[in-house]
Amino acid sequence: MNRRDIFQRKAYATYRMHLAARRAILASTPAEQDRARVWEAVWGVASGIRRFKLGNGGGQARQRKA
């Protein structure tokens, strides 16, 4: 059995996150949209993307202290 390397796994997870985001945009009900957002977050974590909290209500994210 051939195993995918880290780059292929990350690319696949990013692709699935993209599909989940598209499902959230095209969702016809709020429940369907919430379900798609959950999957979007799951695939985002799997691909290495982390959600930043915005301290100013939008715009730029806070910088981490070194």
PDB file of N, CA and C in Angstrom:
ATOM      1  N   MET A   1       0.837  -1.187   0.000  1.00  0.00           N
ATOM      2  CA  MET A   1       0.000   0.000   0.000  1.00  0.00           C
ATOM      3  C   MET A   1       0.879   1.247   0.000  1.00  0.00           C
ATOM      4  N   ASN A   2       0.632   2.120  -0.935  1.00  0.00           N
ATOM      5  CA  ASN A   2       1.388   3.362  -0.990  1.00  0.00           C
ATOM      6  C   ASN A   2       0.763   4.386  -0.064  1.00  0.00           C
ATOM      7  N   ARG A   3       1.604   5.061   0.686  1.00  0.00           N
ATOM      8  CA  ARG A   3       1.136   6.069   1.616  1.00  0.00           C
ATOM      9  C   ARG A   3       1.434   7.451   1.035  1.00  0.00           C
ATOM     10  N   ARG A   4       0.479   8.343   1.166  1.00  0.00           N
ATOM     11  CA  ARG A   4       0.693   9.707   0.680  1.00  0.00           C
ATOM     12  C   ARG A   4       1.639  10.451   1.612  1.00  0.00           C
ATOM     13  N   ASP A   5       2.449  11.335   1.040  1.00  0.00           N
ATOM     14  CA  ASP A   5       3.328  12.131   1.884  1.00  0.00           C
ATOM     15  C   ASP A   5       2.560  13.312   2.482  1.00  0.00           C
ATOM     16  N   ILE A   6       3.202  14.067   3.335  1.00  0.00           N
ATOM     17  CA  ILE A   6       2.547  15.141   4.079  1.00  0.00           C
ATOM     18  C   ILE A   6       1.984  16.219   3.148  1.00  0.00           C
ATOM     19  N   PHE A   7       2.651  16.489   2.053  1.00  0.00           N
ATOM     20  CA  PHE A   7       2.200  17.530   1.139  1.00  0.00           C
ATOM     21  C   PHE A   7       0.921  17.118   0.410  1.00  0.00           C
ATOM     22  N   GLN A   8       0.838  15.853   0.033  1.00  0.00           N
ATOM     23  CA  GLN A   8      -0.371  15.363  -0.615  1.00  0.00           C
ATOM     24  C   GLN A   8      -1.543  15.345   0.358  1.00  0.00           C
ATOM     25  N   ARG A   9      -1.290  14.956   1.614  1.00  0.00           N
ATOM     26  CA  ARG A   9      -2.365  14.948   2.611  1.00  0.00           C
ATOM     27  C   ARG A   9      -2.851  16.362   2.907  1.00  0.00           C
ATOM     28  N   LYS A  10      -1.922  17.312   2.976  1.00  0.00           N
ATOM     29  CA  LYS A  10      -2.299  18.702   3.243  1.00  0.00           C
ATOM     30  C   LYS A  10      -3.089  19.281   2.059  1.00  0.00           C
ATOM     31  N   ALA A  11      -2.677  18.968   0.857  1.00  0.00           N
ATOM     32  CA  ALA A  11      -3.393  19.444  -0.329  1.00  0.00           C
ATOM     33  C   ALA A  11      -4.805  18.874  -0.382  1.00  0.00           C
ATOM     34  N   TYR A  12      -4.948  17.597  -0.039  1.00  0.00           N
ATOM     35  CA  TYR A  12      -6.268  16.967  -0.035  1.00  0.00           C
ATOM     36  C   TYR A  12      -7.169  17.607   1.028  1.00  0.00           C
ATOM     37  N   ALA A  13      -6.625  17.851   2.217  1.00  0.00           N
ATOM     38  CA  ALA A  13      -7.412  18.472   3.287  1.00  0.00           C
ATOM     39  C   ALA A  13      -7.818  19.895   2.909  1.00  0.00           C
ATOM     40  N   THR A  14      -6.929  20.627   2.254  1.00  0.00           N
ATOM     41  CA  THR A  14      -7.262  21.978   1.808  1.00  0.00           C
ATOM     42  C   THR A  14      -8.365  21.941   0.754  1.00  0.00           C
ATOM     43  N   TYR A  15      -8.302  20.974  -0.138  1.00  0.00           N
ATOM     44  CA  TYR A  15      -9.341  20.813  -1.160  1.00  0.00           C
ATOM     45  C   TYR A  15     -10.695  20.502  -0.524  1.00  0.00           C
ATOM     46  N   ARG A  16     -10.708  19.592   0.456  1.00  0.00           N
ATOM     47  CA  ARG A  16     -11.963  19.259   1.135  1.00  0.00           C
ATOM     48  C   ARG A  16     -12.510  20.466   1.905  1.00  0.00           C
ATOM     49  N   MET A  17     -11.613  21.285   2.481  1.00  0.00           N
ATOM     50  CA  MET A  17     -12.049  22.496   3.173  1.00  0.00           C
ATOM     51  C   MET A  17     -12.712  23.454   2.182  1.00  0.00           C
ATOM     52  N   HIS A  18     -12.141  23.548   0.998  1.00  0.00           N
ATOM     53  CA  HIS A  18     -12.716  24.384  -0.051  1.00  0.00           C
ATOM     54  C   HIS A  18     -14.120  23.906  -0.410  1.00  0.00           C
ATOM     55  N   LEU A  19     -14.289  22.599  -0.550  1.00  0.00           N
ATOM     56  CA  LEU A  19     -15.615  22.054  -0.875  1.00  0.00           C
ATOM     57  C   LEU A  19     -16.624  22.338   0.234  1.00  0.00           C
ATOM     58  N   ALA A  20     -16.192  22.224   1.492  1.00  0.00           N
ATOM     59  CA  ALA A  20     -17.084  22.507   2.616  1.00  0.00           C
ATOM     60  C   ALA A  20     -17.472  23.984   2.647  1.00  0.00           C
ATOM     61  N   ALA A  21     -16.531  24.866   2.338  1.00  0.00           N
ATOM     62  CA  ALA A  21     -16.841  26.300   2.295  1.00  0.00           C
ATOM     63  C   ALA A  21     -17.839  26.594   1.186  1.00  0.00           C
ATOM     64  N   ARG A  22     -17.681  25.937   0.067  1.00  0.00           N
ATOM     65  CA  ARG A  22     -18.620  26.118  -1.041  1.00  0.00           C
ATOM     66  C   ARG A  22     -20.018  25.623  -0.662  1.00  0.00           C
ATOM     67  N   ARG A  23     -20.066  24.488   0.045  1.00  0.00           N
ATOM     68  CA  ARG A  23     -21.362  23.982   0.523  1.00  0.00           C
ATOM     69  C   ARG A  23     -22.005  24.955   1.491  1.00  0.00           C
ATOM     70  N   ALA A  24     -21.203  25.599   2.340  1.00  0.00           N
ATOM     71  CA  ALA A  24     -21.746  26.572   3.300  1.00  0.00           C
ATOM     72  C   ALA A  24     -22.316  27.787   2.573  1.00  0.00           C
ATOM     73  N   ILE A  25     -21.655  28.214   1.529  1.00  0.00           N
ATOM     74  CA  ILE A  25     -22.128  29.372   0.762  1.00  0.00           C
ATOM     75  C   ILE A  25     -23.424  29.050   0.031  1.00  0.00           C
ATOM     76  N   LEU A  26     -23.515  27.845  -0.524  1.00  0.00           N
ATOM     77  CA  LEU A  26     -24.675  27.462  -1.321  1.00  0.00           C
ATOM     78  C   LEU A  26     -25.796  26.814  -0.512  1.00  0.00           C
ATOM     79  N   ALA A  27     -25.630  26.718   0.799  1.00  0.00           N
ATOM     80  CA  ALA A  27     -26.625  26.045   1.639  1.00  0.00           C
ATOM     81  C   ALA A  27     -27.952  26.783   1.597  1.00  0.00           C
ATOM     82  N   SER A  28     -29.035  25.987   1.599  1.00  0.00           N
ATOM     83  CA  SER A  28     -30.370  26.588   1.527  1.00  0.00           C
ATOM     84  C   SER A  28     -30.995  26.782   2.902  1.00  0.00           C
ATOM     85  N   THR A  29     -30.486  26.084   3.918  1.00  0.00           N
ATOM     86  CA  THR A  29     -31.031  26.232   5.267  1.00  0.00           C
ATOM     87  C   THR A  29     -29.903  26.577   6.241  1.00  0.00           C
ATOM     88  N   PRO A  30     -30.242  27.253   7.342  1.00  0.00           N
ATOM     89  CA  PRO A  30     -29.212  27.564   8.340  1.00  0.00           C
ATOM     90  C   PRO A  30     -28.578  26.315   8.951  1.00  0.00           C
ATOM     91  N   ALA A  31     -29.353  25.242   9.133  1.00  0.00           N
ATOM     92  CA  ALA A  31     -28.799  24.011   9.696  1.00  0.00           C
ATOM     93  C   ALA A  31     -27.767  23.398   8.757  1.00  0.00           C
ATOM     94  N   GLU A  32     -28.063  23.411   7.473  1.00  0.00           N
ATOM     95  CA  GLU A  32     -27.128  22.877   6.480  1.00  0.00           C
ATOM     96  C   GLU A  32     -25.859  23.730   6.436  1.00  0.00           C
ATOM     97  N   GLN A  33     -26.025  25.043   6.580  1.00  0.00           N
ATOM     98  CA  GLN A  33     -24.887  25.951   6.577  1.00  0.00           C
ATOM     99  C   GLN A  33     -24.003  25.718   7.810  1.00  0.00           C
ATOM    100  N   ASP A  34     -24.630  25.532   8.972  1.00  0.00           N
ATOM    101  CA  ASP A  34     -23.861  25.265  10.187  1.00  0.00           C
ATOM    102  C   ASP A  34     -23.087  23.961  10.076  1.00  0.00           C
ATOM    103  N   ARG A  35     -23.723  22.939   9.522  1.00  0.00           N
ATOM    104  CA  ARG A  35     -23.069  21.637   9.353  1.00  0.00           C
ATOM    105  C   ARG A  35     -21.856  21.751   8.425  1.00  0.00           C
ATOM    106  N   ALA A  36     -22.007  22.510   7.346  1.00  0.00           N
ATOM    107  CA  ALA A  36     -20.895  22.706   6.411  1.00  0.00           C
ATOM    108  C   ALA A  36     -19.763  23.504   7.063  1.00  0.00           C
ATOM    109  N   ARG A  37     -20.107  24.467   7.914  1.00  0.00           N
ATOM    110  CA  ARG A  37     -19.067  25.244   8.602  1.00  0.00           C
ATOM    111  C   ARG A  37     -18.279  24.382   9.580  1.00  0.00           C
ATOM    112  N   VAL A  38     -18.953  23.443  10.223  1.00  0.00           N
ATOM    113  CA  VAL A  38     -18.249  22.525  11.119  1.00  0.00           C
ATOM    114  C   VAL A  38     -17.227  21.712  10.329  1.00  0.00           C
ATOM    115  N   TRP A  39     -17.645  21.171   9.186  1.00  0.00           N
ATOM    116  CA  TRP A  39     -16.723  20.390   8.359  1.00  0.00           C
ATOM    117  C   TRP A  39     -15.611  21.259   7.797  1.00  0.00           C
ATOM    118  N   GLU A  40     -15.926  22.509   7.486  1.00  0.00           N
ATOM    119  CA  GLU A  40     -14.897  23.425   7.006  1.00  0.00           C
ATOM    120  C   GLU A  40     -13.824  23.621   8.081  1.00  0.00           C
ATOM    121  N   ALA A  41     -14.246  23.784   9.327  1.00  0.00           N
ATOM    122  CA  ALA A  41     -13.290  23.944  10.420  1.00  0.00           C
ATOM    123  C   ALA A  41     -12.475  22.675  10.633  1.00  0.00           C
ATOM    124  N   VAL A  42     -13.113  21.517  10.544  1.00  0.00           N
ATOM    125  CA  VAL A  42     -12.402  20.245  10.726  1.00  0.00           C
ATOM    126  C   VAL A  42     -11.331  20.070   9.663  1.00  0.00           C
ATOM    127  N   TRP A  43     -11.686  20.293   8.407  1.00  0.00           N
ATOM    128  CA  TRP A  43     -10.709  20.136   7.331  1.00  0.00           C
ATOM    129  C   TRP A  43      -9.646  21.232   7.395  1.00  0.00           C
ATOM    130  N   GLY A  44     -10.011  22.411   7.898  1.00  0.00           N
ATOM    131  CA  GLY A  44      -9.016  23.468   8.071  1.00  0.00           C
ATOM    132  C   GLY A  44      -7.951  23.085   9.086  1.00  0.00           C
ATOM    133  N   VAL A  45      -8.366  22.488  10.183  1.00  0.00           N
ATOM    134  CA  VAL A  45      -7.407  22.019  11.186  1.00  0.00           C
ATOM    135  C   VAL A  45      -6.540  20.908  10.602  1.00  0.00           C
ATOM    136  N   ALA A  46      -7.150  20.015   9.844  1.00  0.00           N
ATOM    137  CA  ALA A  46      -6.393  18.912   9.232  1.00  0.00           C
ATOM    138  C   ALA A  46      -5.358  19.420   8.237  1.00  0.00           C
ATOM    139  N   SER A  47      -5.650  20.534   7.581  1.00  0.00           N
ATOM    140  CA  SER A  47      -4.704  21.068   6.599  1.00  0.00           C
ATOM    141  C   SER A  47      -3.684  22.016   7.220  1.00  0.00           C
ATOM    142  N   GLY A  48      -3.826  22.278   8.520  1.00  0.00           N
ATOM    143  CA  GLY A  48      -2.842  23.123   9.192  1.00  0.00           C
ATOM    144  C   GLY A  48      -3.252  24.569   9.298  1.00  0.00           C
ATOM    145  N   ILE A  49      -4.459  24.908   8.902  1.00  0.00           N
ATOM    146  CA  ILE A  49      -4.925  26.284   8.994  1.00  0.00           C
ATOM    147  C   ILE A  49      -5.579  26.464  10.353  1.00  0.00           C
ATOM    148  N   ARG A  50      -5.183  27.489  11.062  1.00  0.00           N
ATOM    149  CA  ARG A  50      -5.750  27.746  12.380  1.00  0.00           C
ATOM    150  C   ARG A  50      -6.541  29.042  12.359  1.00  0.00           C
ATOM    151  N   ARG A  51      -7.597  29.060  13.134  1.00  0.00           N
ATOM    152  CA  ARG A  51      -8.458  30.238  13.206  1.00  0.00           C
ATOM    153  C   ARG A  51      -7.863  31.236  14.197  1.00  0.00           C
ATOM    154  N   PHE A  52      -7.691  32.488  13.757  1.00  0.00           N
ATOM    155  CA  PHE A  52      -7.174  33.533  14.621  1.00  0.00           C
ATOM    156  C   PHE A  52      -8.332  34.355  15.168  1.00  0.00           C
ATOM    157  N   LYS A  53      -8.214  34.758  16.410  1.00  0.00           N
ATOM    158  CA  LYS A  53      -9.208  35.649  16.982  1.00  0.00           C
ATOM    159  C   LYS A  53      -8.810  37.075  16.635  1.00  0.00           C
ATOM    160  N   LEU A  54      -9.773  37.839  16.181  1.00  0.00           N
ATOM    161  CA  LEU A  54      -9.506  39.221  15.822  1.00  0.00           C
ATOM    162  C   LEU A  54      -9.883  40.104  16.997  1.00  0.00           C
ATOM    163  N   GLY A  55      -8.940  40.888  17.470  1.00  0.00           N
ATOM    164  CA  GLY A  55      -9.160  41.729  18.639  1.00  0.00           C
ATOM    165  C   GLY A  55      -9.837  43.043  18.321  1.00  0.00           C
ATOM    166  N   ASN A  56      -9.842  43.452  17.049  1.00  0.00           N
ATOM    167  CA  ASN A  56     -10.391  44.760  16.712  1.00  0.00           C
ATOM    168  C   ASN A  56     -11.707  44.651  15.947  1.00  0.00           C
ATOM    169  N   GLY A  57     -12.382  43.516  16.043  1.00  0.00           N
ATOM    170  CA  GLY A  57     -13.673  43.355  15.385  1.00  0.00           C
ATOM    171  C   GLY A  57     -13.578  43.130  13.883  1.00  0.00           C
ATOM    172  N   GLY A  58     -12.421  42.861  13.384  1.00  0.00           N
ATOM    173  CA  GLY A  58     -12.206  42.662  11.956  1.00  0.00           C
ATOM    174  C   GLY A  58     -10.862  43.245  11.587  1.00  0.00           C
ATOM    175  N   GLY A  59     -10.489  43.136  10.381  1.00  0.00           N
ATOM    176  CA  GLY A  59      -9.207  43.704   9.980  1.00  0.00           C
ATOM    177  C   GLY A  59      -8.066  42.758  10.263  1.00  0.00           C
ATOM    178  N   GLN A  60      -7.018  43.265  10.887  1.00  0.00           N
ATOM    179  CA  GLN A  60      -5.818  42.468  11.079  1.00  0.00           C
ATOM    180  C   GLN A  60      -5.882  41.661  12.368  1.00  0.00           C
ATOM    181  N   ALA A  61      -5.277  40.483  12.322  1.00  0.00           N
ATOM    182  CA  ALA A  61      -5.207  39.623  13.503  1.00  0.00           C
ATOM    183  C   ALA A  61      -4.136  40.119  14.445  1.00  0.00           C
ATOM    184  N   ARG A  62      -4.280  39.796  15.718  1.00  0.00           N
ATOM    185  CA  ARG A  62      -3.258  40.152  16.697  1.00  0.00           C
ATOM    186  C   ARG A  62      -1.980  39.383  16.423  1.00  0.00           C
ATOM    187  N   GLN A  63      -0.876  40.035  16.656  1.00  0.00           N
ATOM    188  CA  GLN A  63       0.425  39.388  16.490  1.00  0.00           C
ATOM    189  C   GLN A  63       0.793  38.638  17.754  1.00  0.00           C
ATOM    190  N   ARG A  64       1.396  37.471  17.603  1.00  0.00           N
ATOM    191  CA  ARG A  64       1.857  36.716  18.762  1.00  0.00           C
ATOM    192  C   ARG A  64       3.090  37.370  19.346  1.00  0.00           C
ATOM    193  N   LYS A  65       3.195  37.296  20.656  1.00  0.00           N
ATOM    194  CA  LYS A  65       4.376  37.848  21.319  1.00  0.00           C
ATOM    195  C   LYS A  65       5.522  36.848  21.184  1.00  0.00           C
ATOM    196  N   ALA A  66       6.678  37.365  20.846  1.00  0.00           N
ATOM    197  CA  ALA A  66       7.846  36.491  20.654  1.00  0.00           C
ATOM    198  C   ALA A  66       8.485  36.092  21.952  1.00  0.00           C
TER     199      ALA A  66
END
